[in-house]
Amino acid sequence: MKKGLIICGLEKLKLINSSINEVNADYDLAQTFFFPSKAQPRTAVVVITRSGLMDDSVSAERYRISFKLEGKPSDLNWHWVQYGVQYQCARGSKAGKWTKNICP
C-alpha cells in the first residue's frame, strides 16, 4: 500500500470538487474506520469534516468516502467504492442536525 486512506480520501475530494472553487479547502477532521467483518471484508471508510463555513444555512459538511482493499497480498491497494456528503444545518428545525439534503 503506497498511500494511506486519508490521503486517498483527500485526493478523491479534490477530484470530486474540482469544478468548484473549494479544491484547496481546509478540513477540520479526518477519521478512518475499518470494517473487518464477514459482511464487509477489507472495507474502510474515511470521514472528512469541514466546519465553520461562511454560509448562513449550512454550518458544516461531512464527506464519507468508502474504499475496499483489493489485490494480491504482495500488492494490495485501496480502491474507491462510494462517496457521499452530508450537511449540518445552521438554523431552523434541523439546526445542528446532519442531513443529506441542502439545508433551508
N, C-alpha and C. Protein backbone atom coordinates (compact mmCIF):
# COMPACT_ATOMS: atom_id res chain seq x y z
N MET A 1 0.85 -1.17 0.00
CA MET A 1 0.00 0.00 0.00
C MET A 1 0.89 1.23 0.00
N LYS A 2 0.79 1.99 -1.02
CA LYS A 2 1.67 3.13 -1.17
C LYS A 2 1.17 4.38 -0.47
N LYS A 3 -0.16 4.55 -0.36
CA LYS A 3 -0.73 5.75 0.24
C LYS A 3 -1.68 5.35 1.37
N GLY A 4 -1.79 6.22 2.35
CA GLY A 4 -2.75 5.99 3.42
C GLY A 4 -4.15 6.35 2.97
N LEU A 5 -5.12 5.89 3.73
CA LEU A 5 -6.52 6.13 3.36
C LEU A 5 -6.92 7.60 3.42
N ILE A 6 -6.42 8.33 4.40
CA ILE A 6 -6.80 9.74 4.48
C ILE A 6 -6.28 10.51 3.28
N ILE A 7 -5.06 10.23 2.85
CA ILE A 7 -4.52 10.86 1.63
C ILE A 7 -5.38 10.49 0.43
N CYS A 8 -5.75 9.21 0.33
CA CYS A 8 -6.63 8.78 -0.77
C CYS A 8 -7.96 9.51 -0.73
N GLY A 9 -8.53 9.67 0.48
CA GLY A 9 -9.80 10.37 0.63
C GLY A 9 -9.69 11.83 0.22
N LEU A 10 -8.65 12.50 0.63
CA LEU A 10 -8.45 13.91 0.25
C LEU A 10 -8.25 14.06 -1.25
N GLU A 11 -7.53 13.12 -1.86
CA GLU A 11 -7.34 13.17 -3.31
C GLU A 11 -8.68 12.97 -4.04
N LYS A 12 -9.52 12.08 -3.52
CA LYS A 12 -10.83 11.86 -4.13
C LYS A 12 -11.69 13.12 -4.02
N LEU A 13 -11.66 13.78 -2.85
CA LEU A 13 -12.41 15.02 -2.70
C LEU A 13 -11.93 16.08 -3.68
N LYS A 14 -10.63 16.15 -3.88
CA LYS A 14 -10.08 17.13 -4.83
C LYS A 14 -10.63 16.87 -6.23
N LEU A 15 -10.72 15.60 -6.62
CA LEU A 15 -11.28 15.26 -7.94
C LEU A 15 -12.76 15.60 -8.02
N ILE A 16 -13.51 15.27 -6.98
CA ILE A 16 -14.95 15.50 -6.97
C ILE A 16 -15.26 16.99 -6.98
N ASN A 17 -14.52 17.77 -6.21
CA ASN A 17 -14.78 19.20 -6.07
C ASN A 17 -13.99 20.06 -7.06
N SER A 18 -13.40 19.46 -8.07
CA SER A 18 -12.53 20.22 -8.99
C SER A 18 -13.27 21.26 -9.80
N SER A 19 -14.58 21.14 -9.93
CA SER A 19 -15.32 22.10 -10.74
C SER A 19 -15.78 23.32 -9.93
N ILE A 20 -15.51 23.33 -8.63
CA ILE A 20 -15.90 24.47 -7.81
C ILE A 20 -14.66 25.10 -7.20
N ASN A 21 -14.82 26.22 -6.56
CA ASN A 21 -13.69 26.98 -6.02
C ASN A 21 -13.21 26.48 -4.67
N GLU A 22 -13.56 25.27 -4.27
CA GLU A 22 -13.21 24.79 -2.94
C GLU A 22 -12.18 23.67 -2.97
N VAL A 23 -11.42 23.57 -4.03
CA VAL A 23 -10.44 22.50 -4.16
C VAL A 23 -9.41 22.54 -3.04
N ASN A 24 -8.99 23.71 -2.65
CA ASN A 24 -7.96 23.85 -1.61
C ASN A 24 -8.57 24.13 -0.24
N ALA A 25 -9.77 23.63 0.00
CA ALA A 25 -10.45 23.86 1.27
C ALA A 25 -9.69 23.23 2.43
N ASP A 26 -9.84 23.82 3.60
CA ASP A 26 -9.26 23.27 4.82
C ASP A 26 -10.30 22.40 5.50
N TYR A 27 -9.89 21.22 5.91
CA TYR A 27 -10.78 20.29 6.58
C TYR A 27 -10.37 20.18 8.04
N ASP A 28 -11.36 20.13 8.93
CA ASP A 28 -11.12 20.13 10.37
C ASP A 28 -10.73 18.76 10.90
N LEU A 29 -11.35 17.73 10.38
CA LEU A 29 -11.22 16.41 10.98
C LEU A 29 -11.25 15.36 9.89
N ALA A 30 -10.36 14.40 9.99
CA ALA A 30 -10.35 13.26 9.06
C ALA A 30 -10.21 12.00 9.91
N GLN A 31 -11.15 11.07 9.75
CA GLN A 31 -11.16 9.84 10.52
C GLN A 31 -11.24 8.66 9.57
N THR A 32 -10.66 7.55 9.99
CA THR A 32 -10.71 6.32 9.22
C THR A 32 -11.36 5.24 10.07
N PHE A 33 -12.30 4.51 9.47
CA PHE A 33 -12.98 3.42 10.14
C PHE A 33 -12.81 2.15 9.31
N PHE A 34 -12.41 1.08 9.96
CA PHE A 34 -12.23 -0.21 9.28
C PHE A 34 -13.37 -1.14 9.67
N PHE A 35 -13.81 -1.96 8.73
CA PHE A 35 -14.90 -2.90 8.96
C PHE A 35 -14.43 -4.32 8.68
N PRO A 36 -13.73 -4.92 9.62
CA PRO A 36 -13.23 -6.29 9.40
C PRO A 36 -14.28 -7.35 9.72
N SER A 37 -15.41 -7.25 9.05
CA SER A 37 -16.48 -8.22 9.30
C SER A 37 -16.67 -9.11 8.07
N LYS A 38 -17.40 -10.20 8.24
CA LYS A 38 -17.69 -11.08 7.11
C LYS A 38 -18.55 -10.38 6.07
N ALA A 39 -19.43 -9.50 6.52
CA ALA A 39 -20.31 -8.78 5.58
C ALA A 39 -19.55 -7.76 4.74
N GLN A 40 -18.51 -7.16 5.31
CA GLN A 40 -17.75 -6.13 4.59
C GLN A 40 -16.25 -6.35 4.79
N PRO A 41 -15.71 -7.45 4.30
CA PRO A 41 -14.28 -7.68 4.50
C PRO A 41 -13.44 -6.68 3.70
N ARG A 42 -12.34 -6.30 4.30
CA ARG A 42 -11.39 -5.40 3.64
C ARG A 42 -12.02 -4.07 3.22
N THR A 43 -12.92 -3.56 4.02
CA THR A 43 -13.59 -2.30 3.72
C THR A 43 -13.20 -1.25 4.75
N ALA A 44 -13.00 -0.03 4.29
CA ALA A 44 -12.68 1.09 5.17
C ALA A 44 -13.44 2.32 4.70
N VAL A 45 -13.74 3.20 5.64
CA VAL A 45 -14.44 4.44 5.33
C VAL A 45 -13.63 5.60 5.90
N VAL A 46 -13.45 6.62 5.08
CA VAL A 46 -12.80 7.84 5.51
C VAL A 46 -13.90 8.90 5.64
N VAL A 47 -13.97 9.53 6.80
CA VAL A 47 -14.93 10.60 7.03
C VAL A 47 -14.14 11.89 7.23
N ILE A 48 -14.41 12.87 6.37
CA ILE A 48 -13.69 14.15 6.40
C ILE A 48 -14.71 15.25 6.65
N THR A 49 -14.47 16.05 7.69
CA THR A 49 -15.43 17.08 8.09
C THR A 49 -14.81 18.46 7.91
N ARG A 50 -15.65 19.35 7.44
CA ARG A 50 -15.25 20.75 7.24
C ARG A 50 -16.31 21.62 7.92
N SER A 51 -15.91 22.43 8.90
CA SER A 51 -16.88 23.25 9.63
C SER A 51 -16.49 24.72 9.55
N GLY A 52 -17.31 25.56 10.17
CA GLY A 52 -17.05 27.00 10.14
C GLY A 52 -17.26 27.61 8.77
N LEU A 53 -18.22 27.09 8.04
CA LEU A 53 -18.48 27.58 6.69
C LEU A 53 -19.09 28.97 6.71
N MET A 54 -18.79 29.75 5.73
CA MET A 54 -19.34 31.09 5.60
C MET A 54 -20.68 31.01 4.86
N ASP A 55 -21.63 30.34 5.49
CA ASP A 55 -22.94 30.11 4.90
C ASP A 55 -23.95 30.26 6.02
N ASP A 56 -25.03 30.98 5.78
CA ASP A 56 -26.00 31.20 6.85
C ASP A 56 -26.93 30.01 7.07
N SER A 57 -26.92 29.02 6.18
CA SER A 57 -27.81 27.86 6.36
C SER A 57 -27.06 26.56 6.66
N VAL A 58 -25.80 26.46 6.26
CA VAL A 58 -25.01 25.25 6.48
C VAL A 58 -23.80 25.59 7.35
N SER A 59 -23.67 24.89 8.49
CA SER A 59 -22.53 25.18 9.38
C SER A 59 -21.36 24.23 9.14
N ALA A 60 -21.63 23.05 8.53
CA ALA A 60 -20.54 22.09 8.29
C ALA A 60 -20.93 21.12 7.17
N GLU A 61 -19.90 20.52 6.58
CA GLU A 61 -20.09 19.47 5.57
C GLU A 61 -19.30 18.26 6.03
N ARG A 62 -19.85 17.08 5.79
CA ARG A 62 -19.16 15.84 6.15
C ARG A 62 -19.17 14.93 4.94
N TYR A 63 -17.96 14.55 4.50
CA TYR A 63 -17.80 13.68 3.35
C TYR A 63 -17.50 12.26 3.83
N ARG A 64 -18.15 11.27 3.23
CA ARG A 64 -17.92 9.86 3.57
C ARG A 64 -17.45 9.16 2.30
N ILE A 65 -16.24 8.63 2.35
CA ILE A 65 -15.64 8.00 1.18
C ILE A 65 -15.27 6.57 1.54
N SER A 66 -15.84 5.61 0.82
CA SER A 66 -15.61 4.20 1.11
C SER A 66 -14.55 3.63 0.17
N PHE A 67 -13.71 2.75 0.72
CA PHE A 67 -12.66 2.09 -0.03
C PHE A 67 -12.69 0.59 0.26
N LYS A 68 -12.20 -0.19 -0.69
CA LYS A 68 -12.07 -1.63 -0.50
C LYS A 68 -10.64 -2.02 -0.83
N LEU A 69 -10.06 -2.86 0.01
CA LEU A 69 -8.70 -3.33 -0.19
C LEU A 69 -8.72 -4.50 -1.16
N GLU A 70 -8.02 -4.36 -2.28
CA GLU A 70 -8.01 -5.38 -3.33
C GLU A 70 -6.60 -5.65 -3.81
N GLY A 71 -6.42 -6.81 -4.37
CA GLY A 71 -5.13 -7.17 -4.94
C GLY A 71 -4.53 -8.38 -4.27
N LYS A 72 -3.37 -8.76 -4.76
CA LYS A 72 -2.62 -9.87 -4.18
C LYS A 72 -1.96 -9.41 -2.89
N PRO A 73 -1.70 -10.32 -1.96
CA PRO A 73 -1.06 -9.92 -0.70
C PRO A 73 0.23 -9.12 -0.89
N SER A 74 0.94 -9.37 -1.96
CA SER A 74 2.19 -8.64 -2.20
C SER A 74 1.96 -7.27 -2.83
N ASP A 75 0.74 -6.99 -3.30
CA ASP A 75 0.45 -5.73 -3.99
C ASP A 75 -0.98 -5.27 -3.69
N LEU A 76 -1.27 -4.98 -2.42
CA LEU A 76 -2.60 -4.54 -2.02
C LEU A 76 -2.76 -3.05 -2.26
N ASN A 77 -3.96 -2.66 -2.71
CA ASN A 77 -4.26 -1.25 -2.96
C ASN A 77 -5.69 -0.96 -2.53
N TRP A 78 -5.92 0.28 -2.09
CA TRP A 78 -7.26 0.72 -1.74
C TRP A 78 -7.93 1.25 -3.00
N HIS A 79 -9.14 0.77 -3.27
CA HIS A 79 -9.90 1.21 -4.43
C HIS A 79 -11.18 1.91 -3.97
N TRP A 80 -11.46 3.05 -4.58
CA TRP A 80 -12.65 3.83 -4.23
C TRP A 80 -13.90 3.03 -4.58
N VAL A 81 -14.88 3.07 -3.67
CA VAL A 81 -16.14 2.35 -3.87
C VAL A 81 -17.33 3.30 -3.92
N GLN A 82 -17.41 4.23 -2.95
CA GLN A 82 -18.60 5.06 -2.83
C GLN A 82 -18.26 6.39 -2.19
N TYR A 83 -19.06 7.40 -2.50
CA TYR A 83 -18.87 8.76 -1.97
C TYR A 83 -20.22 9.32 -1.57
N GLY A 84 -20.26 10.06 -0.48
CA GLY A 84 -21.48 10.73 -0.07
C GLY A 84 -21.15 11.98 0.72
N VAL A 85 -22.11 12.90 0.81
CA VAL A 85 -21.91 14.14 1.56
C VAL A 85 -23.15 14.40 2.40
N GLN A 86 -22.91 14.97 3.59
CA GLN A 86 -23.98 15.38 4.47
C GLN A 86 -23.73 16.83 4.86
N TYR A 87 -24.81 17.52 5.21
CA TYR A 87 -24.72 18.92 5.61
C TYR A 87 -25.26 19.07 7.02
N GLN A 88 -24.60 19.91 7.83
CA GLN A 88 -25.11 20.21 9.16
C GLN A 88 -25.79 21.58 9.08
N CYS A 89 -27.07 21.57 9.36
CA CYS A 89 -27.85 22.80 9.24
C CYS A 89 -27.53 23.77 10.36
N ALA A 90 -27.53 25.05 10.02
CA ALA A 90 -27.19 26.10 10.98
C ALA A 90 -28.42 26.75 11.60
N ARG A 91 -29.58 26.53 11.02
CA ARG A 91 -30.78 27.21 11.54
C ARG A 91 -32.03 26.38 11.26
N GLY A 92 -33.13 26.85 11.77
CA GLY A 92 -34.41 26.20 11.52
C GLY A 92 -34.62 24.95 12.37
N SER A 93 -35.60 24.15 11.99
CA SER A 93 -35.95 22.96 12.76
C SER A 93 -34.87 21.87 12.71
N LYS A 94 -33.96 21.97 11.75
CA LYS A 94 -32.88 20.97 11.63
C LYS A 94 -31.54 21.51 12.09
N ALA A 95 -31.54 22.60 12.82
CA ALA A 95 -30.28 23.21 13.29
C ALA A 95 -29.48 22.20 14.11
N GLY A 96 -28.20 22.05 13.76
CA GLY A 96 -27.30 21.14 14.46
C GLY A 96 -27.40 19.69 14.00
N LYS A 97 -28.34 19.38 13.13
CA LYS A 97 -28.53 18.00 12.66
C LYS A 97 -27.88 17.82 11.29
N TRP A 98 -27.45 16.58 11.04
CA TRP A 98 -26.86 16.23 9.76
C TRP A 98 -27.94 15.72 8.82
N THR A 99 -27.88 16.14 7.55
CA THR A 99 -28.86 15.74 6.56
C THR A 99 -28.19 15.54 5.20
N LYS A 100 -28.79 14.72 4.36
CA LYS A 100 -28.26 14.52 3.01
C LYS A 100 -28.71 15.63 2.07
N ASN A 101 -29.74 16.36 2.47
CA ASN A 101 -30.30 17.41 1.64
C ASN A 101 -29.72 18.77 2.04
N ILE A 102 -29.72 19.69 1.11
CA ILE A 102 -29.25 21.05 1.39
C ILE A 102 -30.17 21.65 2.45
N CYS A 103 -29.59 22.36 3.40
CA CYS A 103 -30.35 22.94 4.49
C CYS A 103 -31.16 24.15 3.98
N PRO A 104 -32.37 24.36 4.54
CA PRO A 104 -33.20 25.50 4.13
C PRO A 104 -32.67 26.82 4.67
